[in-house]
Amino acid sequence: MTQGPILYISGQTPQQDTEIPVAMYAQTTIVLNKIEAILNQHDLKWSAVAKMTVFITDAADLGGVRDAFTAILGEEKPAMSLVVVSGLIDPSYKVEIEAQAELPR
């Protein structure tokens, strides 16, 4: 449960420069790194994240998502929803993640 003002982070996608990796682990890592960069801009850490929504295009790729989350977030476990969708804005995207973090008062 959050107490302070909320930082809403729009859905982040797995494109880095002009590259979009094929592997789900690599795509998820890029997305989480983008979210972490936004958190850092607000002097926040992963512990400030209250909720994340993960959109994936294939449930079979869930292992790559889990592995990336474990590697980057470690023991941090924000509330999370996982939604399997028929597609994202670019057919090469396999994952998109949005987040909500609590800002200090």
Protein backbone atom coordinates (compact mmCIF):
# COMPACT_ATOMS: atom_id res chain seq x y z
CA MET A 1 0.00 0.00 0.00
CA THR A 2 1.44 3.35 -0.97
CA GLN A 3 1.30 6.42 1.23
CA GLY A 4 2.92 9.20 -0.79
CA PRO A 5 2.61 10.65 -4.27
CA ILE A 6 2.99 8.11 -7.09
CA LEU A 7 5.39 8.04 -10.02
CA TYR A 8 3.67 6.38 -12.98
CA ILE A 9 6.11 4.86 -15.45
CA SER A 10 4.56 4.26 -18.85
CA GLY A 11 5.03 0.94 -20.59
CA GLN A 12 8.68 0.46 -21.45
CA THR A 13 9.64 -1.56 -24.51
CA PRO A 14 12.68 -3.72 -25.37
CA GLN A 15 14.16 -1.52 -28.08
CA GLN A 16 17.63 -0.20 -27.31
CA ASP A 17 18.88 2.29 -29.88
CA THR A 18 17.80 0.55 -33.09
CA GLU A 19 18.29 -2.99 -31.77
CA ILE A 20 15.60 -5.35 -30.52
CA PRO A 21 17.03 -8.64 -29.24
CA VAL A 22 15.16 -11.86 -29.95
CA ALA A 23 15.56 -13.60 -26.58
CA MET A 24 12.95 -12.87 -23.91
CA TYR A 25 15.60 -12.61 -21.18
CA ALA A 26 17.45 -9.92 -23.17
CA GLN A 27 14.25 -8.03 -23.95
CA THR A 28 13.12 -8.10 -20.32
CA THR A 29 16.56 -6.98 -19.14
CA ILE A 30 16.43 -3.93 -21.44
CA VAL A 31 12.95 -3.03 -20.20
CA LEU A 32 13.91 -3.38 -16.53
CA ASN A 33 17.06 -1.32 -17.10
CA LYS A 34 14.94 1.44 -18.66
CA ILE A 35 12.63 1.41 -15.64
CA GLU A 36 15.62 1.48 -13.30
CA ALA A 37 17.01 4.51 -15.16
CA ILE A 38 13.70 6.35 -14.67
CA LEU A 39 13.70 5.43 -10.99
CA ASN A 40 17.27 6.73 -10.69
CA GLN A 41 16.24 10.04 -12.26
CA HIS A 42 13.88 10.44 -9.29
CA ASP A 43 16.45 9.20 -6.74
CA LEU A 44 14.45 6.01 -6.23
CA LYS A 45 15.44 2.37 -5.91
CA TRP A 46 13.50 -0.79 -6.77
CA SER A 47 12.16 -0.86 -3.20
CA ALA A 48 10.01 2.18 -4.08
CA VAL A 49 8.16 0.24 -6.78
CA ALA A 50 4.72 -0.68 -5.49
CA LYS A 51 3.20 -2.27 -8.60
CA MET A 52 4.26 -3.50 -12.02
CA THR A 53 2.22 -4.76 -14.94
CA VAL A 54 4.04 -7.08 -17.33
CA PHE A 55 2.63 -7.66 -20.79
CA ILE A 56 4.02 -10.64 -22.72
CA THR A 57 3.03 -12.09 -26.07
CA ASP A 58 3.72 -15.76 -25.30
CA ALA A 59 3.25 -17.52 -21.96
CA ALA A 60 6.00 -19.95 -22.97
CA ASP A 61 8.50 -17.09 -22.51
CA LEU A 62 7.72 -16.67 -18.82
CA GLY A 63 10.99 -18.34 -17.77
CA GLY A 64 13.04 -15.60 -19.44
CA VAL A 65 10.96 -12.95 -17.70
CA ARG A 66 11.43 -14.59 -14.30
CA ASP A 67 15.17 -14.99 -14.82
CA ALA A 68 15.59 -11.31 -15.74
CA PHE A 69 13.49 -10.18 -12.76
CA THR A 70 15.57 -12.33 -10.40
CA ALA A 71 18.86 -11.06 -11.85
CA ILE A 72 17.88 -7.39 -11.64
CA LEU A 73 15.43 -7.05 -8.75
CA GLY A 74 16.89 -9.77 -6.53
CA GLU A 75 14.75 -10.02 -3.43
CA GLU A 76 12.55 -7.01 -4.25
CA LYS A 77 9.05 -8.28 -4.93
CA PRO A 78 6.62 -5.53 -5.90
CA ALA A 79 2.99 -6.43 -6.50
CA MET A 80 2.75 -7.60 -10.07
CA SER A 81 0.24 -8.51 -12.73
CA LEU A 82 1.20 -10.57 -15.77
CA VAL A 83 -0.96 -10.28 -18.86
CA VAL A 84 -0.58 -12.37 -22.00
CA VAL A 85 -1.56 -10.26 -25.02
CA SER A 86 -1.94 -11.09 -28.69
CA GLY A 87 0.61 -8.47 -29.69
CA LEU A 88 2.42 -5.25 -28.83
CA ILE A 89 2.99 -2.09 -30.90
CA ASP A 90 5.95 -3.65 -32.73
CA PRO A 91 5.71 -7.34 -33.71
CA SER A 92 9.33 -7.81 -32.56
CA TYR A 93 8.43 -6.85 -28.99
CA LYS A 94 7.76 -9.80 -26.71
CA VAL A 95 7.45 -7.80 -23.47
CA GLU A 96 6.38 -4.39 -22.21
CA ILE A 97 6.33 -3.35 -18.56
CA GLU A 98 4.76 -0.41 -16.75
CA ALA A 99 5.40 0.46 -13.12
CA GLN A 100 4.18 2.60 -10.26
CA ALA A 101 6.56 3.79 -7.57
CA GLU A 102 6.07 5.76 -4.40
CA LEU A 103 7.75 9.16 -4.38
CA PRO A 104 9.00 10.55 -1.06
CA ARG A 105 6.75 13.11 0.56
